[in-house]
Amino acid sequence: MIRIDQIWLAVDPVDMRSGIDRLLARVVEVFGASRPHHAYVFANRRGTRLKVLVCDGFGIWLAVRRLHQGAVHWPRPGETQVELSAEQARALVIGLPWQRLDEYESITLL
């Protein structure tokens, strides 16, 4: 499997027609550089689609997730980047309120 040490959210919505090259350019613009073993998560404006760009040190991987119902919980406007824990990333992908997971990885408020 691909090793991922850090997961980052690119908070501003992106056009889901964007491919690897455009998303990689967005990573460089927002984060300064693409780092090996880091994953960068993008969403569309409605929060119904996600793209994850993973740099493994040898190349770039791109994964897409489309929700058939509901939307992902996304950060408030104004933030440009957010780092996620592995547990928060799992919660984000299945549509749970990942912002409410504390350092002990438990949900404290619903």
PDB file of N, CA and C in Angstrom:
ATOM      1  N   MET A   1       0.834  -1.187   0.000  1.00  0.00           N
ATOM      2  CA  MET A   1       0.000   0.000   0.000  1.00  0.00           C
ATOM      3  C   MET A   1       0.877   1.248   0.000  1.00  0.00           C
ATOM      4  N   ILE A   2       0.262   2.341  -0.299  1.00  0.00           N
ATOM      5  CA  ILE A   2       0.966   3.614  -0.347  1.00  0.00           C
ATOM      6  C   ILE A   2       1.093   4.179   1.068  1.00  0.00           C
ATOM      7  N   ARG A   3       2.293   4.554   1.447  1.00  0.00           N
ATOM      8  CA  ARG A   3       2.510   5.150   2.772  1.00  0.00           C
ATOM      9  C   ARG A   3       2.106   6.619   2.735  1.00  0.00           C
ATOM     10  N   ILE A   4       1.274   7.021   3.702  1.00  0.00           N
ATOM     11  CA  ILE A   4       0.854   8.416   3.821  1.00  0.00           C
ATOM     12  C   ILE A   4       1.169   8.871   5.243  1.00  0.00           C
ATOM     13  N   ASP A   5       2.075   9.845   5.354  1.00  0.00           N
ATOM     14  CA  ASP A   5       2.471  10.362   6.659  1.00  0.00           C
ATOM     15  C   ASP A   5       1.610  11.534   7.109  1.00  0.00           C
ATOM     16  N   GLN A   6       1.188  12.387   6.172  1.00  0.00           N
ATOM     17  CA  GLN A   6       0.357  13.540   6.508  1.00  0.00           C
ATOM     18  C   GLN A   6      -0.732  13.711   5.464  1.00  0.00           C
ATOM     19  N   ILE A   7      -1.885  14.182   5.946  1.00  0.00           N
ATOM     20  CA  ILE A   7      -3.031  14.419   5.070  1.00  0.00           C
ATOM     21  C   ILE A   7      -3.421  15.882   5.214  1.00  0.00           C
ATOM     22  N   TRP A   8      -3.544  16.570   4.097  1.00  0.00           N
ATOM     23  CA  TRP A   8      -3.860  17.996   4.091  1.00  0.00           C
ATOM     24  C   TRP A   8      -5.131  18.252   3.296  1.00  0.00           C
ATOM     25  N   LEU A   9      -5.947  19.193   3.767  1.00  0.00           N
ATOM     26  CA  LEU A   9      -7.110  19.645   3.011  1.00  0.00           C
ATOM     27  C   LEU A   9      -6.762  20.945   2.308  1.00  0.00           C
ATOM     28  N   ALA A  10      -7.012  21.004   1.021  1.00  0.00           N
ATOM     29  CA  ALA A  10      -6.963  22.266   0.294  1.00  0.00           C
ATOM     30  C   ALA A  10      -8.385  22.809   0.376  1.00  0.00           C
ATOM     31  N   VAL A  11      -8.608  23.791   1.216  1.00  0.00           N
ATOM     32  CA  VAL A  11      -9.946  24.189   1.628  1.00  0.00           C
ATOM     33  C   VAL A  11     -10.774  24.807   0.505  1.00  0.00           C
ATOM     34  N   ASP A  12     -10.160  25.640  -0.341  1.00  0.00           N
ATOM     35  CA  ASP A  12     -10.918  26.271  -1.427  1.00  0.00           C
ATOM     36  C   ASP A  12     -11.408  25.214  -2.407  1.00  0.00           C
ATOM     37  N   PRO A  13     -12.660  25.325  -2.860  1.00  0.00           N
ATOM     38  CA  PRO A  13     -13.194  24.326  -3.801  1.00  0.00           C
ATOM     39  C   PRO A  13     -12.441  24.354  -5.129  1.00  0.00           C
ATOM     40  N   VAL A  14     -12.400  23.193  -5.777  1.00  0.00           N
ATOM     41  CA  VAL A  14     -11.745  23.083  -7.082  1.00  0.00           C
ATOM     42  C   VAL A  14     -12.726  22.513  -8.105  1.00  0.00           C
ATOM     43  N   ASP A  15     -12.416  22.750  -9.355  1.00  0.00           N
ATOM     44  CA  ASP A  15     -13.181  22.190 -10.462  1.00  0.00           C
ATOM     45  C   ASP A  15     -12.832  20.706 -10.552  1.00  0.00           C
ATOM     46  N   MET A  16     -13.817  19.841 -10.454  1.00  0.00           N
ATOM     47  CA  MET A  16     -13.566  18.405 -10.454  1.00  0.00           C
ATOM     48  C   MET A  16     -13.131  17.870 -11.815  1.00  0.00           C
ATOM     49  N   ARG A  17     -13.137  18.704 -12.828  1.00  0.00           N
ATOM     50  CA  ARG A  17     -12.575  18.295 -14.119  1.00  0.00           C
ATOM     51  C   ARG A  17     -11.056  18.380 -14.111  1.00  0.00           C
ATOM     52  N   SER A  18     -10.492  18.978 -13.058  1.00  0.00           N
ATOM     53  CA  SER A  18      -9.040  19.128 -12.948  1.00  0.00           C
ATOM     54  C   SER A  18      -8.373  17.766 -12.865  1.00  0.00           C
ATOM     55  N   GLY A  19      -7.283  17.630 -13.587  1.00  0.00           N
ATOM     56  CA  GLY A  19      -6.512  16.395 -13.562  1.00  0.00           C
ATOM     57  C   GLY A  19      -5.316  16.522 -12.640  1.00  0.00           C
ATOM     58  N   ILE A  20      -4.412  15.556 -12.750  1.00  0.00           N
ATOM     59  CA  ILE A  20      -3.243  15.508 -11.877  1.00  0.00           C
ATOM     60  C   ILE A  20      -2.401  16.778 -11.990  1.00  0.00           C
ATOM     61  N   ASP A  21      -2.139  17.234 -13.204  1.00  0.00           N
ATOM     62  CA  ASP A  21      -1.249  18.389 -13.380  1.00  0.00           C
ATOM     63  C   ASP A  21      -1.828  19.659 -12.759  1.00  0.00           C
ATOM     64  N   ARG A  22      -3.103  19.914 -12.969  1.00  0.00           N
ATOM     65  CA  ARG A  22      -3.720  21.114 -12.412  1.00  0.00           C
ATOM     66  C   ARG A  22      -3.797  21.030 -10.891  1.00  0.00           C
ATOM     67  N   LEU A  23      -4.130  19.853 -10.355  1.00  0.00           N
ATOM     68  CA  LEU A  23      -4.194  19.701  -8.901  1.00  0.00           C
ATOM     69  C   LEU A  23      -2.797  19.805  -8.276  1.00  0.00           C
ATOM     70  N   LEU A  24      -1.793  19.267  -8.950  1.00  0.00           N
ATOM     71  CA  LEU A  24      -0.421  19.391  -8.454  1.00  0.00           C
ATOM     72  C   LEU A  24       0.009  20.854  -8.444  1.00  0.00           C
ATOM     73  N   ALA A  25      -0.373  21.604  -9.462  1.00  0.00           N
ATOM     74  CA  ALA A  25      -0.079  23.046  -9.473  1.00  0.00           C
ATOM     75  C   ALA A  25      -0.780  23.747  -8.315  1.00  0.00           C
ATOM     76  N   ARG A  26      -1.992  23.311  -7.997  1.00  0.00           N
ATOM     77  CA  ARG A  26      -2.730  23.889  -6.859  1.00  0.00           C
ATOM     78  C   ARG A  26      -2.033  23.548  -5.535  1.00  0.00           C
ATOM     79  N   VAL A  27      -1.508  22.332  -5.413  1.00  0.00           N
ATOM     80  CA  VAL A  27      -0.757  21.942  -4.207  1.00  0.00           C
ATOM     81  C   VAL A  27       0.447  22.861  -4.033  1.00  0.00           C
ATOM     82  N   VAL A  28       1.197  23.089  -5.097  1.00  0.00           N
ATOM     83  CA  VAL A  28       2.375  23.954  -5.023  1.00  0.00           C
ATOM     84  C   VAL A  28       1.963  25.374  -4.656  1.00  0.00           C
ATOM     85  N   GLU A  29       0.848  25.850  -5.215  1.00  0.00           N
ATOM     86  CA  GLU A  29       0.360  27.199  -4.922  1.00  0.00           C
ATOM     87  C   GLU A  29      -0.045  27.347  -3.452  1.00  0.00           C
ATOM     88  N   VAL A  30      -0.774  26.378  -2.918  1.00  0.00           N
ATOM     89  CA  VAL A  30      -1.322  26.480  -1.563  1.00  0.00           C
ATOM     90  C   VAL A  30      -0.310  26.057  -0.502  1.00  0.00           C
ATOM     91  N   PHE A  31       0.409  24.956  -0.743  1.00  0.00           N
ATOM     92  CA  PHE A  31       1.273  24.379   0.282  1.00  0.00           C
ATOM     93  C   PHE A  31       2.754  24.677   0.073  1.00  0.00           C
ATOM     94  N   GLY A  32       3.106  25.264  -1.058  1.00  0.00           N
ATOM     95  CA  GLY A  32       4.504  25.607  -1.315  1.00  0.00           C
ATOM     96  C   GLY A  32       5.278  24.537  -2.051  1.00  0.00           C
ATOM     97  N   ALA A  33       4.920  23.270  -1.855  1.00  0.00           N
ATOM     98  CA  ALA A  33       5.595  22.154  -2.525  1.00  0.00           C
ATOM     99  C   ALA A  33       4.785  20.889  -2.306  1.00  0.00           C
ATOM    100  N   SER A  34       5.024  19.931  -3.166  1.00  0.00           N
ATOM    101  CA  SER A  34       4.444  18.605  -3.003  1.00  0.00           C
ATOM    102  C   SER A  34       5.484  17.746  -2.313  1.00  0.00           C
ATOM    103  N   ARG A  35       5.133  17.176  -1.189  1.00  0.00           N
ATOM    104  CA  ARG A  35       6.098  16.400  -0.412  1.00  0.00           C
ATOM    105  C   ARG A  35       5.790  14.901  -0.510  1.00  0.00           C
ATOM    106  N   PRO A  36       6.836  14.060  -0.538  1.00  0.00           N
ATOM    107  CA  PRO A  36       6.609  12.612  -0.579  1.00  0.00           C
ATOM    108  C   PRO A  36       5.842  12.126   0.644  1.00  0.00           C
ATOM    109  N   HIS A  37       4.962  11.185   0.426  1.00  0.00           N
ATOM    110  CA  HIS A  37       4.161  10.542   1.466  1.00  0.00           C
ATOM    111  C   HIS A  37       3.168  11.503   2.114  1.00  0.00           C
ATOM    112  N   HIS A  38       2.760  12.521   1.372  1.00  0.00           N
ATOM    113  CA  HIS A  38       1.709  13.426   1.813  1.00  0.00           C
ATOM    114  C   HIS A  38       0.524  13.266   0.865  1.00  0.00           C
ATOM    115  N   ALA A  39      -0.677  13.388   1.422  1.00  0.00           N
ATOM    116  CA  ALA A  39      -1.905  13.338   0.621  1.00  0.00           C
ATOM    117  C   ALA A  39      -2.577  14.703   0.710  1.00  0.00           C
ATOM    118  N   TYR A  40      -3.131  15.146  -0.404  1.00  0.00           N
ATOM    119  CA  TYR A  40      -3.793  16.446  -0.489  1.00  0.00           C
ATOM    120  C   TYR A  40      -5.226  16.202  -0.949  1.00  0.00           C
ATOM    121  N   VAL A  41      -6.192  16.659  -0.145  1.00  0.00           N
ATOM    122  CA  VAL A  41      -7.604  16.387  -0.403  1.00  0.00           C
ATOM    123  C   VAL A  41      -8.278  17.654  -0.922  1.00  0.00           C
ATOM    124  N   PHE A  42      -9.025  17.509  -2.017  1.00  0.00           N
ATOM    125  CA  PHE A  42      -9.755  18.606  -2.645  1.00  0.00           C
ATOM    126  C   PHE A  42     -11.233  18.229  -2.719  1.00  0.00           C
ATOM    127  N   ALA A  43     -12.104  19.221  -2.719  1.00  0.00           N
ATOM    128  CA  ALA A  43     -13.543  18.971  -2.872  1.00  0.00           C
ATOM    129  C   ALA A  43     -14.124  19.999  -3.834  1.00  0.00           C
ATOM    130  N   ASN A  44     -15.287  19.653  -4.386  1.00  0.00           N
ATOM    131  CA  ASN A  44     -16.002  20.623  -5.203  1.00  0.00           C
ATOM    132  C   ASN A  44     -16.803  21.552  -4.294  1.00  0.00           C
ATOM    133  N   ARG A  45     -17.416  22.566  -4.868  1.00  0.00           N
ATOM    134  CA  ARG A  45     -18.134  23.580  -4.093  1.00  0.00           C
ATOM    135  C   ARG A  45     -19.276  22.982  -3.278  1.00  0.00           C
ATOM    136  N   ARG A  46     -19.994  22.005  -3.837  1.00  0.00           N
ATOM    137  CA  ARG A  46     -21.139  21.401  -3.128  1.00  0.00           C
ATOM    138  C   ARG A  46     -20.731  20.340  -2.109  1.00  0.00           C
ATOM    139  N   GLY A  47     -19.477  19.918  -2.148  1.00  0.00           N
ATOM    140  CA  GLY A  47     -19.010  18.916  -1.205  1.00  0.00           C
ATOM    141  C   GLY A  47     -19.499  17.512  -1.511  1.00  0.00           C
ATOM    142  N   THR A  48     -19.839  17.260  -2.763  1.00  0.00           N
ATOM    143  CA  THR A  48     -20.326  15.934  -3.151  1.00  0.00           C
ATOM    144  C   THR A  48     -19.244  15.072  -3.800  1.00  0.00           C
ATOM    145  N   ARG A  49     -18.096  15.671  -4.084  1.00  0.00           N
ATOM    146  CA  ARG A  49     -16.999  14.933  -4.709  1.00  0.00           C
ATOM    147  C   ARG A  49     -15.679  15.308  -4.053  1.00  0.00           C
ATOM    148  N   LEU A  50     -14.821  14.318  -3.926  1.00  0.00           N
ATOM    149  CA  LEU A  50     -13.477  14.514  -3.374  1.00  0.00           C
ATOM    150  C   LEU A  50     -12.455  13.978  -4.364  1.00  0.00           C
ATOM    151  N   LYS A  51     -11.311  14.630  -4.411  1.00  0.00           N
ATOM    152  CA  LYS A  51     -10.152  14.104  -5.124  1.00  0.00           C
ATOM    153  C   LYS A  51      -8.996  14.134  -4.140  1.00  0.00           C
ATOM    154  N   VAL A  52      -8.228  13.044  -4.131  1.00  0.00           N
ATOM    155  CA  VAL A  52      -7.079  12.933  -3.246  1.00  0.00           C
ATOM    156  C   VAL A  52      -5.845  12.714  -4.109  1.00  0.00           C
ATOM    157  N   LEU A  53      -4.902  13.624  -3.974  1.00  0.00           N
ATOM    158  CA  LEU A  53      -3.637  13.538  -4.682  1.00  0.00           C
ATOM    159  C   LEU A  53      -2.593  13.039  -3.688  1.00  0.00           C
ATOM    160  N   VAL A  54      -1.939  11.929  -4.012  1.00  0.00           N
ATOM    161  CA  VAL A  54      -0.938  11.348  -3.110  1.00  0.00           C
ATOM    162  C   VAL A  54       0.402  11.306  -3.833  1.00  0.00           C
ATOM    163  N   CYS A  55       1.408  11.858  -3.190  1.00  0.00           N
ATOM    164  CA  CYS A  55       2.770  11.832  -3.715  1.00  0.00           C
ATOM    165  C   CYS A  55       3.519  10.744  -2.955  1.00  0.00           C
ATOM    166  N   ASP A  56       4.000   9.726  -3.674  1.00  0.00           N
ATOM    167  CA  ASP A  56       4.651   8.601  -2.988  1.00  0.00           C
ATOM    168  C   ASP A  56       6.172   8.624  -3.079  1.00  0.00           C
ATOM    169  N   GLY A  57       6.730   9.684  -3.629  1.00  0.00           N
ATOM    170  CA  GLY A  57       8.177   9.768  -3.773  1.00  0.00           C
ATOM    171  C   GLY A  57       8.666   9.308  -5.132  1.00  0.00           C
ATOM    172  N   PHE A  58       7.867   8.525  -5.848  1.00  0.00           N
ATOM    173  CA  PHE A  58       8.216   8.043  -7.183  1.00  0.00           C
ATOM    174  C   PHE A  58       7.284   8.614  -8.244  1.00  0.00           C
ATOM    175  N   GLY A  59       6.083   8.976  -7.840  1.00  0.00           N
ATOM    176  CA  GLY A  59       5.087   9.482  -8.760  1.00  0.00           C
ATOM    177  C   GLY A  59       3.904  10.046  -7.998  1.00  0.00           C
ATOM    178  N   ILE A  60       2.824  10.248  -8.728  1.00  0.00           N
ATOM    179  CA  ILE A  60       1.615  10.854  -8.169  1.00  0.00           C
ATOM    180  C   ILE A  60       0.447   9.901  -8.376  1.00  0.00           C
ATOM    181  N   TRP A  61      -0.382   9.737  -7.344  1.00  0.00           N
ATOM    182  CA  TRP A  61      -1.610   8.953  -7.409  1.00  0.00           C
ATOM    183  C   TRP A  61      -2.789   9.913  -7.279  1.00  0.00           C
ATOM    184  N   LEU A  62      -3.866   9.633  -7.982  1.00  0.00           N
ATOM    185  CA  LEU A  62      -5.082  10.436  -7.886  1.00  0.00           C
ATOM    186  C   LEU A  62      -6.263   9.505  -7.655  1.00  0.00           C
ATOM    187  N   ALA A  63      -7.006   9.759  -6.586  1.00  0.00           N
ATOM    188  CA  ALA A  63      -8.200   8.973  -6.276  1.00  0.00           C
ATOM    189  C   ALA A  63      -9.394   9.915  -6.255  1.00  0.00           C
ATOM    190  N   VAL A  64     -10.552   9.387  -6.641  1.00  0.00           N
ATOM    191  CA  VAL A  64     -11.775  10.190  -6.706  1.00  0.00           C
ATOM    192  C   VAL A  64     -12.863   9.501  -5.893  1.00  0.00           C
ATOM    193  N   ARG A  65     -13.633  10.285  -5.166  1.00  0.00           N
ATOM    194  CA  ARG A  65     -14.782   9.770  -4.401  1.00  0.00           C
ATOM    195  C   ARG A  65     -15.983  10.630  -4.743  1.00  0.00           C
ATOM    196  N   ARG A  66     -17.078   9.999  -5.151  1.00  0.00           N
ATOM    197  CA  ARG A  66     -18.316  10.717  -5.450  1.00  0.00           C
ATOM    198  C   ARG A  66     -19.396  10.209  -4.502  1.00  0.00           C
ATOM    199  N   LEU A  67     -20.024  11.130  -3.773  1.00  0.00           N
ATOM    200  CA  LEU A  67     -21.102  10.763  -2.861  1.00  0.00           C
ATOM    201  C   LEU A  67     -22.426  10.781  -3.615  1.00  0.00           C
ATOM    202  N   HIS A  68     -23.222   9.766  -3.408  1.00  0.00           N
ATOM    203  CA  HIS A  68     -24.533   9.713  -4.060  1.00  0.00           C
ATOM    204  C   HIS A  68     -25.586  10.427  -3.237  1.00  0.00           C
ATOM    205  N   GLN A  69     -25.343  10.561  -1.935  1.00  0.00           N
ATOM    206  CA  GLN A  69     -26.255  11.284  -1.046  1.00  0.00           C
ATOM    207  C   GLN A  69     -25.439  12.128  -0.084  1.00  0.00           C
ATOM    208  N   GLY A  70     -25.969  13.268   0.296  1.00  0.00           N
ATOM    209  CA  GLY A  70     -25.318  14.112   1.296  1.00  0.00           C
ATOM    210  C   GLY A  70     -24.075  14.786   0.761  1.00  0.00           C
ATOM    211  N   ALA A  71     -23.291  15.345   1.669  1.00  0.00           N
ATOM    212  CA  ALA A  71     -22.065  16.055   1.324  1.00  0.00           C
ATOM    213  C   ALA A  71     -21.054  15.860   2.446  1.00  0.00           C
ATOM    214  N   VAL A  72     -19.788  16.065   2.113  1.00  0.00           N
ATOM    215  CA  VAL A  72     -18.746  15.962   3.128  1.00  0.00           C
ATOM    216  C   VAL A  72     -18.766  17.212   4.003  1.00  0.00           C
ATOM    217  N   HIS A  73     -18.320  17.077   5.240  1.00  0.00           N
ATOM    218  CA  HIS A  73     -18.188  18.217   6.141  1.00  0.00           C
ATOM    219  C   HIS A  73     -16.876  18.909   5.798  1.00  0.00           C
ATOM    220  N   TRP A  74     -16.946  20.180   5.436  1.00  0.00           N
ATOM    221  CA  TRP A  74     -15.771  20.899   4.950  1.00  0.00           C
ATOM    222  C   TRP A  74     -15.476  22.083   5.859  1.00  0.00           C
ATOM    223  N   PRO A  75     -14.227  22.525   5.956  1.00  0.00           N
ATOM    224  CA  PRO A  75     -13.890  23.675   6.811  1.00  0.00           C
ATOM    225  C   PRO A  75     -14.580  24.955   6.357  1.00  0.00           C
ATOM    226  N   ARG A  76     -14.608  25.905   7.259  1.00  0.00           N
ATOM    227  CA  ARG A  76     -15.207  27.207   6.946  1.00  0.00           C
ATOM    228  C   ARG A  76     -14.338  27.965   5.961  1.00  0.00           C
ATOM    229  N   PRO A  77     -14.956  28.845   5.162  1.00  0.00           N
ATOM    230  CA  PRO A  77     -14.160  29.677   4.248  1.00  0.00           C
ATOM    231  C   PRO A  77     -13.183  30.552   5.045  1.00  0.00           C
ATOM    232  N   GLY A  78     -12.075  30.872   4.445  1.00  0.00           N
ATOM    233  CA  GLY A  78     -11.069  31.689   5.105  1.00  0.00           C
ATOM    234  C   GLY A  78      -9.814  30.901   5.428  1.00  0.00           C
ATOM    235  N   GLU A  79      -9.971  29.625   5.759  1.00  0.00           N
ATOM    236  CA  GLU A  79      -8.806  28.771   5.986  1.00  0.00           C
ATOM    237  C   GLU A  79      -8.328  28.292   4.619  1.00  0.00           C
ATOM    238  N   THR A  80      -7.027  28.231   4.407  1.00  0.00           N
ATOM    239  CA  THR A  80      -6.534  27.784   3.110  1.00  0.00           C
ATOM    240  C   THR A  80      -6.033  26.355   3.138  1.00  0.00           C
ATOM    241  N   GLN A  81      -5.591  25.887   4.313  1.00  0.00           N
ATOM    242  CA  GLN A  81      -5.107  24.515   4.423  1.00  0.00           C
ATOM    243  C   GLN A  81      -5.331  24.011   5.845  1.00  0.00           C
ATOM    244  N   VAL A  82      -5.617  22.726   5.953  1.00  0.00           N
ATOM    245  CA  VAL A  82      -5.864  22.090   7.240  1.00  0.00           C
ATOM    246  C   VAL A  82      -5.175  20.728   7.215  1.00  0.00           C
ATOM    247  N   GLU A  83      -4.474  20.385   8.309  1.00  0.00           N
ATOM    248  CA  GLU A  83      -3.866  19.061   8.409  1.00  0.00           C
ATOM    249  C   GLU A  83      -4.828  18.138   9.140  1.00  0.00           C
ATOM    250  N   LEU A  84      -4.993  16.909   8.627  1.00  0.00           N
ATOM    251  CA  LEU A  84      -5.894  15.932   9.220  1.00  0.00           C
ATOM    252  C   LEU A  84      -5.116  14.759   9.799  1.00  0.00           C
ATOM    253  N   SER A  85      -5.638  14.185  10.863  1.00  0.00           N
ATOM    254  CA  SER A  85      -5.105  12.911  11.352  1.00  0.00           C
ATOM    255  C   SER A  85      -5.709  11.803  10.487  1.00  0.00           C
ATOM    256  N   ALA A  86      -5.188  10.606  10.609  1.00  0.00           N
ATOM    257  CA  ALA A  86      -5.727   9.471   9.838  1.00  0.00           C
ATOM    258  C   ALA A  86      -7.187   9.223  10.208  1.00  0.00           C
ATOM    259  N   GLU A  87      -7.508   9.323  11.487  1.00  0.00           N
ATOM    260  CA  GLU A  87      -8.888   9.113  11.937  1.00  0.00           C
ATOM    261  C   GLU A  87      -9.828  10.193  11.381  1.00  0.00           C
ATOM    262  N   GLN A  88      -9.369  11.435  11.357  1.00  0.00           N
ATOM    263  CA  GLN A  88     -10.184  12.516  10.791  1.00  0.00           C
ATOM    264  C   GLN A  88     -10.396  12.295   9.297  1.00  0.00           C
ATOM    265  N   ALA A  89      -9.384  11.828   8.597  1.00  0.00           N
ATOM    266  CA  ALA A  89      -9.518  11.558   7.161  1.00  0.00           C
ATOM    267  C   ALA A  89     -10.542  10.456   6.915  1.00  0.00           C
ATOM    268  N   ARG A  90     -10.515   9.396   7.730  1.00  0.00           N
ATOM    269  CA  ARG A  90     -11.509   8.325   7.582  1.00  0.00           C
ATOM    270  C   ARG A  90     -12.918   8.867   7.830  1.00  0.00           C
ATOM    271  N   ALA A  91     -13.065   9.706   8.833  1.00  0.00           N
ATOM    272  CA  ALA A  91     -14.382  10.297   9.130  1.00  0.00           C
ATOM    273  C   ALA A  91     -14.837  11.194   7.983  1.00  0.00           C
ATOM    274  N   LEU A  92     -13.933  11.976   7.420  1.00  0.00           N
ATOM    275  CA  LEU A  92     -14.266  12.864   6.302  1.00  0.00           C
ATOM    276  C   LEU A  92     -14.793  12.073   5.114  1.00  0.00           C
ATOM    277  N   VAL A  93     -14.098  11.003   4.761  1.00  0.00           N
ATOM    278  CA  VAL A  93     -14.456  10.222   3.574  1.00  0.00           C
ATOM    279  C   VAL A  93     -15.827   9.562   3.703  1.00  0.00           C
ATOM    280  N   ILE A  94     -16.226   9.182   4.910  1.00  0.00           N
ATOM    281  CA  ILE A  94     -17.540   8.553   5.060  1.00  0.00           C
ATOM    282  C   ILE A  94     -18.625   9.543   5.456  1.00  0.00           C
ATOM    283  N   GLY A  95     -18.263  10.839   5.547  1.00  0.00           N
ATOM    284  CA  GLY A  95     -19.272  11.861   5.773  1.00  0.00           C
ATOM    285  C   GLY A  95     -19.548  12.223   7.221  1.00  0.00           C
ATOM    286  N   LEU A  96     -18.706  11.770   8.151  1.00  0.00           N
ATOM    287  CA  LEU A  96     -18.893  12.120   9.560  1.00  0.00           C
ATOM    288  C   LEU A  96     -18.282  13.491   9.855  1.00  0.00           C
ATOM    289  N   PRO A  97     -18.727  14.140  10.916  1.00  0.00           N
ATOM    290  CA  PRO A  97     -18.180  15.463  11.267  1.00  0.00           C
ATOM    291  C   PRO A  97     -16.768  15.341  11.850  1.00  0.00           C
ATOM    292  N   TRP A  98     -15.779  15.256  11.002  1.00  0.00           N
ATOM    293  CA  TRP A  98     -14.397  15.020  11.406  1.00  0.00           C
ATOM    294  C   TRP A  98     -13.840  16.140  12.279  1.00  0.00           C
ATOM    295  N   GLN A  99     -14.386  17.362  12.177  1.00  0.00           N
ATOM    296  CA  GLN A  99     -13.883  18.476  12.973  1.00  0.00           C
ATOM    297  C   GLN A  99     -14.121  18.248  14.462  1.00  0.00           C
ATOM    298  N   ARG A 100     -15.043  17.382  14.789  1.00  0.00           N
ATOM    299  CA  ARG A 100     -15.390  17.149  16.184  1.00  0.00           C
ATOM    300  C   ARG A 100     -14.574  16.049  16.845  1.00  0.00           C
ATOM    301  N   LEU A 101     -13.669  15.443  16.115  1.00  0.00           N
ATOM    302  CA  LEU A 101     -12.796  14.426  16.706  1.00  0.00           C
ATOM    303  C   LEU A 101     -11.674  15.147  17.443  1.00  0.00           C
ATOM    304  N   ASP A 102     -11.498  14.849  18.700  1.00  0.00           N
ATOM    305  CA  ASP A 102     -10.440  15.511  19.461  1.00  0.00           C
ATOM    306  C   ASP A 102      -9.154  14.698  19.402  1.00  0.00           C
ATOM    307  N   GLU A 103      -8.171  15.089  20.177  1.00  0.00           N
ATOM    308  CA  GLU A 103      -6.874  14.428  20.131  1.00  0.00           C
ATOM    309  C   GLU A 103      -6.938  12.972  20.539  1.00  0.00           C
ATOM    310  N   TYR A 104      -7.996  12.551  21.241  1.00  0.00           N
ATOM    311  CA  TYR A 104      -8.145  11.155  21.639  1.00  0.00           C
ATOM    312  C   TYR A 104      -8.940  10.363  20.621  1.00  0.00           C
ATOM    313  N   GLU A 105      -9.243  10.989  19.493  1.00  0.00           N
ATOM    314  CA  GLU A 105      -9.949  10.365  18.391  1.00  0.00           C
ATOM    315  C   GLU A 105     -11.325   9.818  18.810  1.00  0.00           C
ATOM    316  N   SER A 106     -12.009  10.609  19.608  1.00  0.00           N
ATOM    317  CA  SER A 106     -13.364  10.230  19.991  1.00  0.00           C
ATOM    318  C   SER A 106     -14.299  11.393  19.696  1.00  0.00           C
ATOM    319  N   ILE A 107     -15.542  11.085  19.389  1.00  0.00           N
ATOM    320  CA  ILE A 107     -16.522  12.136  19.124  1.00  0.00           C
ATOM    321  C   ILE A 107     -17.035  12.636  20.470  1.00  0.00           C
ATOM    322  N   THR A 108     -16.918  13.950  20.687  1.00  0.00           N
ATOM    323  CA  THR A 108     -17.301  14.520  21.980  1.00  0.00           C
ATOM    324  C   THR A 108     -18.582  15.333  21.922  1.00  0.00           C
ATOM    325  N   LEU A 109     -19.035  15.694  20.714  1.00  0.00           N
ATOM    326  CA  LEU A 109     -20.217  16.530  20.588  1.00  0.00           C
ATOM    327  C   LEU A 109     -20.944  16.187  19.312  1.00  0.00           C
ATOM    328  N   LEU A 110     -22.242  16.017  19.386  1.00  0.00           N
ATOM    329  CA  LEU A 110     -23.043  15.770  18.193  1.00  0.00           C
ATOM    330  C   LEU A 110     -24.080  16.839  18.027  1.00  0.00           C
TER     331      LEU A 110
END
